[in-house]
Amino acid sequence: MPKKPNNWMAYSGLGIQMAVTMMVCLWLGNKAEVHLGVTEPWGQLGGLFFGLFASTYNLFKSINN
């Protein structure tokens, strides 16, 4: 009887990918504050929440496949 492959390896990098996505979106929100004149906390908060939703969407998409 052949061994089944480990499925945990397919999901091992998702946490790091989520963190990097949120940090990049936070950085983009900070750049929006500086260059577009968005008021102080709203660019960073918008970028952070967009990164949170984008990374969560990617997580659910990866799990369902």
Protein backbone atom coordinates (compact mmCIF):
# COMPACT_ATOMS: atom_id res chain seq x y z
CA MET A 1 0.00 0.00 0.00
CA PRO A 2 1.63 3.32 -1.07
CA LYS A 3 1.95 6.18 1.37
CA LYS A 4 -0.32 9.18 1.02
CA PRO A 5 1.52 12.48 0.50
CA ASN A 6 1.57 14.93 3.37
CA ASN A 7 -0.91 17.74 2.73
CA TRP A 8 0.51 19.96 5.43
CA MET A 9 3.42 20.91 3.18
CA ALA A 10 1.04 22.57 0.71
CA TYR A 11 -0.10 24.94 3.47
CA SER A 12 3.20 25.49 5.28
CA GLY A 13 3.98 28.87 3.68
CA LEU A 14 0.52 30.41 3.94
CA GLY A 15 1.21 32.18 7.24
CA ILE A 16 4.31 33.87 5.88
CA GLN A 17 2.46 34.75 2.67
CA MET A 18 -0.36 36.32 4.69
CA ALA A 19 2.08 38.37 6.78
CA VAL A 20 3.98 39.60 3.73
CA THR A 21 0.74 40.54 1.94
CA MET A 22 -0.46 42.56 4.92
CA MET A 23 2.91 44.30 5.33
CA VAL A 24 3.07 45.25 1.64
CA CYS A 25 -0.47 46.64 1.75
CA LEU A 26 0.38 48.55 4.94
CA TRP A 27 3.43 50.02 3.19
CA LEU A 28 1.27 51.00 0.21
CA GLY A 29 -1.19 52.67 2.58
CA ASN A 30 1.68 54.62 4.11
CA LYS A 31 2.81 55.72 0.65
CA ALA A 32 -0.77 56.81 -0.11
CA GLU A 33 -0.66 59.03 2.97
CA VAL A 34 2.60 60.63 1.94
CA HIS A 35 2.04 61.12 -1.79
CA LEU A 36 -1.75 61.44 -2.11
CA GLY A 37 -2.37 63.52 0.99
CA VAL A 38 -4.59 61.01 2.77
CA THR A 39 -4.97 61.90 6.45
CA GLU A 40 -2.65 60.19 8.89
CA PRO A 41 -4.16 56.92 10.13
CA TRP A 42 -6.61 56.21 7.29
CA GLY A 43 -4.14 55.26 4.58
CA GLN A 44 -2.37 52.75 6.79
CA LEU A 45 -5.62 51.35 8.17
CA GLY A 46 -7.09 51.05 4.68
CA GLY A 47 -3.97 49.28 3.44
CA LEU A 48 -3.89 46.97 6.44
CA PHE A 49 -7.55 45.99 6.12
CA PHE A 50 -7.19 45.48 2.37
CA GLY A 51 -4.18 43.24 3.03
CA LEU A 52 -6.12 41.33 5.68
CA PHE A 53 -9.06 40.70 3.35
CA ALA A 54 -6.81 39.85 0.39
CA SER A 55 -4.73 37.37 2.39
CA THR A 56 -7.85 35.78 3.93
CA TYR A 57 -9.37 35.41 0.47
CA ASN A 58 -6.18 33.76 -0.75
CA LEU A 59 -6.21 31.44 2.28
CA PHE A 60 -9.78 30.29 1.63
CA LYS A 61 -9.06 29.89 -2.07
CA SER A 62 -6.02 27.72 -1.30
CA ILE A 63 -7.88 25.55 1.21
CA ASN A 64 -10.89 24.91 -1.04
CA ASN A 65 -8.74 23.70 -3.97
